[in-house]
PDB file of N, CA and C in Angstrom:
ATOM      1  N   MET A   1      29.248  -8.104  54.801  1.00  0.00           N
ATOM      2  CA  MET A   1      29.383  -8.543  53.413  1.00  0.00           C
ATOM      3  C   MET A   1      28.420  -9.706  53.183  1.00  0.00           C
ATOM      4  N   ARG A   2      27.651  -9.607  52.117  1.00  0.00           N
ATOM      5  CA  ARG A   2      26.710 -10.667  51.760  1.00  0.00           C
ATOM      6  C   ARG A   2      27.436 -11.792  51.029  1.00  0.00           C
ATOM      7  N   GLU A   3      26.817 -12.960  51.065  1.00  0.00           N
ATOM      8  CA  GLU A   3      27.378 -14.101  50.356  1.00  0.00           C
ATOM      9  C   GLU A   3      27.074 -13.998  48.872  1.00  0.00           C
ATOM     10  N   ILE A   4      27.912 -14.641  48.078  1.00  0.00           N
ATOM     11  CA  ILE A   4      27.684 -14.697  46.639  1.00  0.00           C
ATOM     12  C   ILE A   4      26.593 -15.738  46.393  1.00  0.00           C
ATOM     13  N   PRO A   5      25.511 -15.374  45.714  1.00  0.00           N
ATOM     14  CA  PRO A   5      24.449 -16.345  45.454  1.00  0.00           C
ATOM     15  C   PRO A   5      24.833 -17.280  44.309  1.00  0.00           C
ATOM     16  N   VAL A   6      24.109 -18.372  44.199  1.00  0.00           N
ATOM     17  CA  VAL A   6      24.300 -19.275  43.066  1.00  0.00           C
ATOM     18  C   VAL A   6      23.617 -18.633  41.870  1.00  0.00           C
ATOM     19  N   VAL A   7      24.377 -18.395  40.814  1.00  0.00           N
ATOM     20  CA  VAL A   7      23.844 -17.748  39.610  1.00  0.00           C
ATOM     21  C   VAL A   7      24.270 -18.540  38.379  1.00  0.00           C
ATOM     22  N   SER A   8      23.581 -18.292  37.276  1.00  0.00           N
ATOM     23  CA  SER A   8      23.945 -18.949  36.021  1.00  0.00           C
ATOM     24  C   SER A   8      24.942 -18.074  35.264  1.00  0.00           C
ATOM     25  N   GLY A   9      25.581 -18.652  34.272  1.00  0.00           N
ATOM     26  CA  GLY A   9      26.503 -17.894  33.443  1.00  0.00           C
ATOM     27  C   GLY A   9      25.809 -16.749  32.722  1.00  0.00           C
ATOM     28  N   LYS A  10      24.578 -16.992  32.287  1.00  0.00           N
ATOM     29  CA  LYS A  10      23.821 -15.945  31.594  1.00  0.00           C
ATOM     30  C   LYS A  10      23.523 -14.776  32.522  1.00  0.00           C
ATOM     31  N   ASP A  11      23.254 -15.064  33.806  1.00  0.00           N
ATOM     32  CA  ASP A  11      23.020 -13.990  34.777  1.00  0.00           C
ATOM     33  C   ASP A  11      24.283 -13.142  34.965  1.00  0.00           C
ATOM     34  N   VAL A  12      25.430 -13.795  35.015  1.00  0.00           N
ATOM     35  CA  VAL A  12      26.698 -13.079  35.185  1.00  0.00           C
ATOM     36  C   VAL A  12      26.977 -12.217  33.960  1.00  0.00           C
ATOM     37  N   ILE A  13      26.740 -12.749  32.770  1.00  0.00           N
ATOM     38  CA  ILE A  13      26.954 -11.988  31.536  1.00  0.00           C
ATOM     39  C   ILE A  13      26.044 -10.767  31.513  1.00  0.00           C
ATOM     40  N   LYS A  14      24.789 -10.946  31.915  1.00  0.00           N
ATOM     41  CA  LYS A  14      23.839  -9.835  31.950  1.00  0.00           C
ATOM     42  C   LYS A  14      24.284  -8.764  32.958  1.00  0.00           C
ATOM     43  N   ALA A  15      24.756  -9.199  34.123  1.00  0.00           N
ATOM     44  CA  ALA A  15      25.201  -8.264  35.156  1.00  0.00           C
ATOM     45  C   ALA A  15      26.422  -7.473  34.685  1.00  0.00           C
ATOM     46  N   LEU A  16      27.382  -8.153  34.058  1.00  0.00           N
ATOM     47  CA  LEU A  16      28.571  -7.449  33.567  1.00  0.00           C
ATOM     48  C   LEU A  16      28.214  -6.525  32.407  1.00  0.00           C
ATOM     49  N   GLY A  17      27.199  -6.900  31.639  1.00  0.00           N
ATOM     50  CA  GLY A  17      26.730  -6.046  30.555  1.00  0.00           C
ATOM     51  C   GLY A  17      26.192  -4.719  31.062  1.00  0.00           C
ATOM     52  N   LYS A  18      25.606  -4.726  32.258  1.00  0.00           N
ATOM     53  CA  LYS A  18      25.081  -3.490  32.850  1.00  0.00           C
ATOM     54  C   LYS A  18      26.180  -2.470  33.133  1.00  0.00           C
ATOM     55  N   MET A  19      27.413  -2.956  33.319  1.00  0.00           N
ATOM     56  CA  MET A  19      28.504  -2.031  33.602  1.00  0.00           C
ATOM     57  C   MET A  19      29.384  -1.761  32.392  1.00  0.00           C
ATOM     58  N   GLY A  20      28.932  -2.194  31.223  1.00  0.00           N
ATOM     59  CA  GLY A  20      29.618  -1.839  29.994  1.00  0.00           C
ATOM     60  C   GLY A  20      30.414  -2.940  29.326  1.00  0.00           C
ATOM     61  N   TYR A  21      30.397  -4.139  29.862  1.00  0.00           N
ATOM     62  CA  TYR A  21      31.092  -5.243  29.193  1.00  0.00           C
ATOM     63  C   TYR A  21      30.304  -5.637  27.952  1.00  0.00           C
ATOM     64  N   GLU A  22      31.039  -5.956  26.902  1.00  0.00           N
ATOM     65  CA  GLU A  22      30.435  -6.359  25.627  1.00  0.00           C
ATOM     66  C   GLU A  22      30.983  -7.707  25.204  1.00  0.00           C
ATOM     67  N   PHE A  23      30.187  -8.417  24.422  1.00  0.00           N
ATOM     68  CA  PHE A  23      30.597  -9.703  23.871  1.00  0.00           C
ATOM     69  C   PHE A  23      31.799  -9.497  22.949  1.00  0.00           C
ATOM     70  N   ALA A  24      32.843 -10.285  23.150  1.00  0.00           N
ATOM     71  CA  ALA A  24      34.016 -10.223  22.271  1.00  0.00           C
ATOM     72  C   ALA A  24      34.088 -11.469  21.393  1.00  0.00           C
ATOM     73  N   ARG A  25      33.931 -12.641  22.017  1.00  0.00           N
ATOM     74  CA  ARG A  25      33.966 -13.898  21.263  1.00  0.00           C
ATOM     75  C   ARG A  25      33.482 -15.035  22.142  1.00  0.00           C
ATOM     76  N   GLN A  26      33.256 -16.177  21.506  1.00  0.00           N
ATOM     77  CA  GLN A  26      32.840 -17.364  22.238  1.00  0.00           C
ATOM     78  C   GLN A  26      33.560 -18.564  21.675  1.00  0.00           C
ATOM     79  N   ARG A  27      34.028 -19.409  22.575  1.00  0.00           N
ATOM     80  CA  ARG A  27      34.654 -20.658  22.160  1.00  0.00           C
ATOM     81  C   ARG A  27      34.052 -21.756  23.021  1.00  0.00           C
ATOM     82  N   GLY A  28      33.260 -22.588  22.398  1.00  0.00           N
ATOM     83  CA  GLY A  28      32.539 -23.600  23.156  1.00  0.00           C
ATOM     84  C   GLY A  28      31.501 -22.924  24.036  1.00  0.00           C
ATOM     85  N   SER A  29      31.543 -23.238  25.326  1.00  0.00           N
ATOM     86  CA  SER A  29      30.575 -22.622  26.231  1.00  0.00           C
ATOM     87  C   SER A  29      31.139 -21.388  26.931  1.00  0.00           C
ATOM     88  N   HIS A  30      32.379 -21.023  26.644  1.00  0.00           N
ATOM     89  CA  HIS A  30      33.005 -19.889  27.317  1.00  0.00           C
ATOM     90  C   HIS A  30      32.873 -18.608  26.487  1.00  0.00           C
ATOM     91  N   VAL A  31      32.315 -17.592  27.124  1.00  0.00           N
ATOM     92  CA  VAL A  31      32.113 -16.293  26.475  1.00  0.00           C
ATOM     93  C   VAL A  31      33.166 -15.332  27.001  1.00  0.00           C
ATOM     94  N   ARG A  32      33.849 -14.665  26.107  1.00  0.00           N
ATOM     95  CA  ARG A  32      34.856 -13.667  26.477  1.00  0.00           C
ATOM     96  C   ARG A  32      34.213 -12.298  26.338  1.00  0.00           C
ATOM     97  N   LEU A  33      34.267 -11.516  27.404  1.00  0.00           N
ATOM     98  CA  LEU A  33      33.691 -10.183  27.423  1.00  0.00           C
ATOM     99  C   LEU A  33      34.809  -9.158  27.495  1.00  0.00           C
ATOM    100  N   ARG A  34      34.590  -8.016  26.860  1.00  0.00           N
ATOM    101  CA  ARG A  34      35.603  -6.959  26.898  1.00  0.00           C
ATOM    102  C   ARG A  34      34.960  -5.667  27.391  1.00  0.00           C
ATOM    103  N   HIS A  35      35.819  -4.809  27.914  1.00  0.00           N
ATOM    104  CA  HIS A  35      35.395  -3.512  28.424  1.00  0.00           C
ATOM    105  C   HIS A  35      36.482  -2.523  28.048  1.00  0.00           C
ATOM    106  N   ALA A  36      36.100  -1.290  27.773  1.00  0.00           N
ATOM    107  CA  ALA A  36      37.072  -0.280  27.345  1.00  0.00           C
ATOM    108  C   ALA A  36      38.091   0.048  28.429  1.00  0.00           C
ATOM    109  N   ASN A  37      37.690   0.048  29.701  1.00  0.00           N
ATOM    110  CA  ASN A  37      38.573   0.488  30.774  1.00  0.00           C
ATOM    111  C   ASN A  37      38.901  -0.569  31.818  1.00  0.00           C
ATOM    112  N   ARG A  38      38.423  -1.772  31.632  1.00  0.00           N
ATOM    113  CA  ARG A  38      38.658  -2.839  32.605  1.00  0.00           C
ATOM    114  C   ARG A  38      39.248  -4.056  31.896  1.00  0.00           C
ATOM    115  N   PRO A  39      39.839  -4.966  32.661  1.00  0.00           N
ATOM    116  CA  PRO A  39      40.370  -6.182  32.045  1.00  0.00           C
ATOM    117  C   PRO A  39      39.247  -7.069  31.502  1.00  0.00           C
ATOM    118  N   PRO A  40      39.550  -7.910  30.514  1.00  0.00           N
ATOM    119  CA  PRO A  40      38.526  -8.810  29.975  1.00  0.00           C
ATOM    120  C   PRO A  40      38.130  -9.867  30.997  1.00  0.00           C
ATOM    121  N   ALA A  41      36.953 -10.436  30.801  1.00  0.00           N
ATOM    122  CA  ALA A  41      36.445 -11.485  31.689  1.00  0.00           C
ATOM    123  C   ALA A  41      35.921 -12.639  30.847  1.00  0.00           C
ATOM    124  N   THR A  42      36.155 -13.846  31.303  1.00  0.00           N
ATOM    125  CA  THR A  42      35.668 -15.051  30.636  1.00  0.00           C
ATOM    126  C   THR A  42      34.612 -15.696  31.516  1.00  0.00           C
ATOM    127  N   VAL A  43      33.448 -15.969  30.912  1.00  0.00           N
ATOM    128  CA  VAL A  43      32.318 -16.522  31.664  1.00  0.00           C
ATOM    129  C   VAL A  43      31.821 -17.789  30.975  1.00  0.00           C
ATOM    130  N   PRO A  44      31.723 -18.908  31.710  1.00  0.00           N
ATOM    131  CA  PRO A  44      31.101 -20.095  31.133  1.00  0.00           C
ATOM    132  C   PRO A  44      29.597 -19.857  31.003  1.00  0.00           C
ATOM    133  N   ALA A  45      29.076 -19.928  29.799  1.00  0.00           N
ATOM    134  CA  ALA A  45      27.654 -19.646  29.554  1.00  0.00           C
ATOM    135  C   ALA A  45      26.857 -20.932  29.684  1.00  0.00           C
ATOM    136  N   LYS A  46      26.840 -21.467  30.878  1.00  0.00           N
ATOM    137  CA  LYS A  46      26.093 -22.701  31.114  1.00  0.00           C
ATOM    138  C   LYS A  46      25.189 -22.478  32.299  1.00  0.00           C
ATOM    139  N   GLY A  47      24.661 -23.538  32.850  1.00  0.00           N
ATOM    140  CA  GLY A  47      23.746 -23.445  33.985  1.00  0.00           C
ATOM    141  C   GLY A  47      24.379 -22.795  35.200  1.00  0.00           C
ATOM    142  N   GLU A  48      24.080 -23.318  36.357  1.00  0.00           N
ATOM    143  CA  GLU A  48      24.577 -22.748  37.598  1.00  0.00           C
ATOM    144  C   GLU A  48      26.095 -22.839  37.676  1.00  0.00           C
ATOM    145  N   LEU A  49      26.716 -21.739  38.112  1.00  0.00           N
ATOM    146  CA  LEU A  49      28.169 -21.685  38.270  1.00  0.00           C
ATOM    147  C   LEU A  49      28.515 -21.906  39.733  1.00  0.00           C
ATOM    148  N   SER A  50      29.665 -22.499  39.967  1.00  0.00           N
ATOM    149  CA  SER A  50      30.102 -22.681  41.350  1.00  0.00           C
ATOM    150  C   SER A  50      30.478 -21.324  41.937  1.00  0.00           C
ATOM    151  N   ILE A  51      30.469 -21.245  43.241  1.00  0.00           N
ATOM    152  CA  ILE A  51      30.810 -20.006  43.930  1.00  0.00           C
ATOM    153  C   ILE A  51      32.247 -19.601  43.603  1.00  0.00           C
ATOM    154  N   LYS A  52      33.144 -20.579  43.509  1.00  0.00           N
ATOM    155  CA  LYS A  52      34.550 -20.291  43.177  1.00  0.00           C
ATOM    156  C   LYS A  52      34.665 -19.684  41.787  1.00  0.00           C
ATOM    157  N   THR A  53      33.885 -20.175  40.842  1.00  0.00           N
ATOM    158  CA  THR A  53      33.915 -19.641  39.481  1.00  0.00           C
ATOM    159  C   THR A  53      33.411 -18.212  39.462  1.00  0.00           C
ATOM    160  N   VAL A  54      32.319 -17.948  40.162  1.00  0.00           N
ATOM    161  CA  VAL A  54      31.772 -16.584  40.217  1.00  0.00           C
ATOM    162  C   VAL A  54      32.773 -15.652  40.881  1.00  0.00           C
ATOM    163  N   HIS A  55      33.424 -16.104  41.940  1.00  0.00           N
ATOM    164  CA  HIS A  55      34.415 -15.284  42.616  1.00  0.00           C
ATOM    165  C   HIS A  55      35.578 -14.968  41.673  1.00  0.00           C
ATOM    166  N   SER A  56      35.994 -15.939  40.887  1.00  0.00           N
ATOM    167  CA  SER A  56      37.067 -15.736  39.925  1.00  0.00           C
ATOM    168  C   SER A  56      36.677 -14.700  38.859  1.00  0.00           C
ATOM    169  N   ILE A  57      35.441 -14.760  38.392  1.00  0.00           N
ATOM    170  CA  ILE A  57      34.960 -13.806  37.389  1.00  0.00           C
ATOM    171  C   ILE A  57      34.921 -12.399  37.986  1.00  0.00           C
ATOM    172  N   ILE A  58      34.475 -12.284  39.233  1.00  0.00           N
ATOM    173  CA  ILE A  58      34.445 -10.985  39.908  1.00  0.00           C
ATOM    174  C   ILE A  58      35.859 -10.409  39.983  1.00  0.00           C
ATOM    175  N   LYS A  59      36.814 -11.256  40.320  1.00  0.00           N
ATOM    176  CA  LYS A  59      38.210 -10.829  40.414  1.00  0.00           C
ATOM    177  C   LYS A  59      38.753 -10.414  39.039  1.00  0.00           C
ATOM    178  N   GLN A  60      38.428 -11.188  37.992  1.00  0.00           N
ATOM    179  CA  GLN A  60      38.867 -10.854  36.633  1.00  0.00           C
ATOM    180  C   GLN A  60      38.368  -9.486  36.208  1.00  0.00           C
ATOM    181  N   ALA A  61      37.128  -9.185  36.568  1.00  0.00           N
ATOM    182  CA  ALA A  61      36.504  -7.930  36.166  1.00  0.00           C
ATOM    183  C   ALA A  61      36.950  -6.752  37.029  1.00  0.00           C
ATOM    184  N   GLY A  62      37.701  -7.029  38.088  1.00  0.00           N
ATOM    185  CA  GLY A  62      38.180  -5.965  38.945  1.00  0.00           C
ATOM    186  C   GLY A  62      37.080  -5.364  39.809  1.00  0.00           C
ATOM    187  N   LEU A  63      36.111  -6.168  40.200  1.00  0.00           N
ATOM    188  CA  LEU A  63      34.987  -5.708  41.009  1.00  0.00           C
ATOM    189  C   LEU A  63      35.135  -6.184  42.450  1.00  0.00           C
ATOM    190  N   THR A  64      34.411  -5.533  43.325  1.00  0.00           N
ATOM    191  CA  THR A  64      34.262  -6.066  44.677  1.00  0.00           C
ATOM    192  C   THR A  64      32.995  -6.925  44.680  1.00  0.00           C
ATOM    193  N   ILE A  65      32.847  -7.730  45.695  1.00  0.00           N
ATOM    194  CA  ILE A  65      31.658  -8.579  45.793  1.00  0.00           C
ATOM    195  C   ILE A  65      30.411  -7.714  45.905  1.00  0.00           C
ATOM    196  N   GLU A  66      30.490  -6.631  46.677  1.00  0.00           N
ATOM    197  CA  GLU A  66      29.340  -5.742  46.844  1.00  0.00           C
ATOM    198  C   GLU A  66      28.927  -5.097  45.520  1.00  0.00           C
ATOM    199  N   GLU A  67      29.914  -4.671  44.711  1.00  0.00           N
ATOM    200  CA  GLU A  67      29.598  -4.083  43.399  1.00  0.00           C
ATOM    201  C   GLU A  67      28.899  -5.106  42.514  1.00  0.00           C
ATOM    202  N   PHE A  68      29.389  -6.342  42.525  1.00  0.00           N
ATOM    203  CA  PHE A  68      28.788  -7.391  41.712  1.00  0.00           C
ATOM    204  C   PHE A  68      27.361  -7.686  42.163  1.00  0.00           C
ATOM    205  N   LEU A  69      27.151  -7.757  43.466  1.00  0.00           N
ATOM    206  CA  LEU A  69      25.811  -8.038  43.986  1.00  0.00           C
ATOM    207  C   LEU A  69      24.820  -6.945  43.614  1.00  0.00           C
ATOM    208  N   ARG A  70      25.266  -5.688  43.580  1.00  0.00           N
ATOM    209  CA  ARG A  70      24.385  -4.589  43.145  1.00  0.00           C
ATOM    210  C   ARG A  70      24.018  -4.746  41.681  1.00  0.00           C
ATOM    211  N   LEU A  71      24.928  -5.263  40.866  1.00  0.00           N
ATOM    212  CA  LEU A  71      24.627  -5.468  39.442  1.00  0.00           C
ATOM    213  C   LEU A  71      23.600  -6.574  39.234  1.00  0.00           C
ATOM    214  N   LEU A  72      23.567  -7.542  40.129  1.00  0.00           N
ATOM    215  CA  LEU A  72      22.612  -8.645  40.020  1.00  0.00           C
ATOM    216  C   LEU A  72      21.196  -8.212  40.355  1.00  0.00           C
ATOM    217  N   ASP A  73      21.045  -7.198  41.188  1.00  0.00           N
ATOM    218  CA  ASP A  73      19.700  -6.750  41.614  1.00  0.00           C
ATOM    219  C   ASP A  73      18.930  -6.109  40.505  1.00  0.00           C
TER     220      ASP A  73
END
């Protein structure tokens, strides 16, 4: 299993967009994404995110780390 890289909120939003997540709303710097068949995910749209935050977003989206890493490529 590869490590989760340091990524920005915009990178995470772009990666989740590749799998069908769409913008639902934004409050402050937090963007709420929705998907027809998966649970919603909230992503802080700021600079670099901590590894714990990225891991939490992966869990919210119901992804494995490997699936998320493939979306980043």
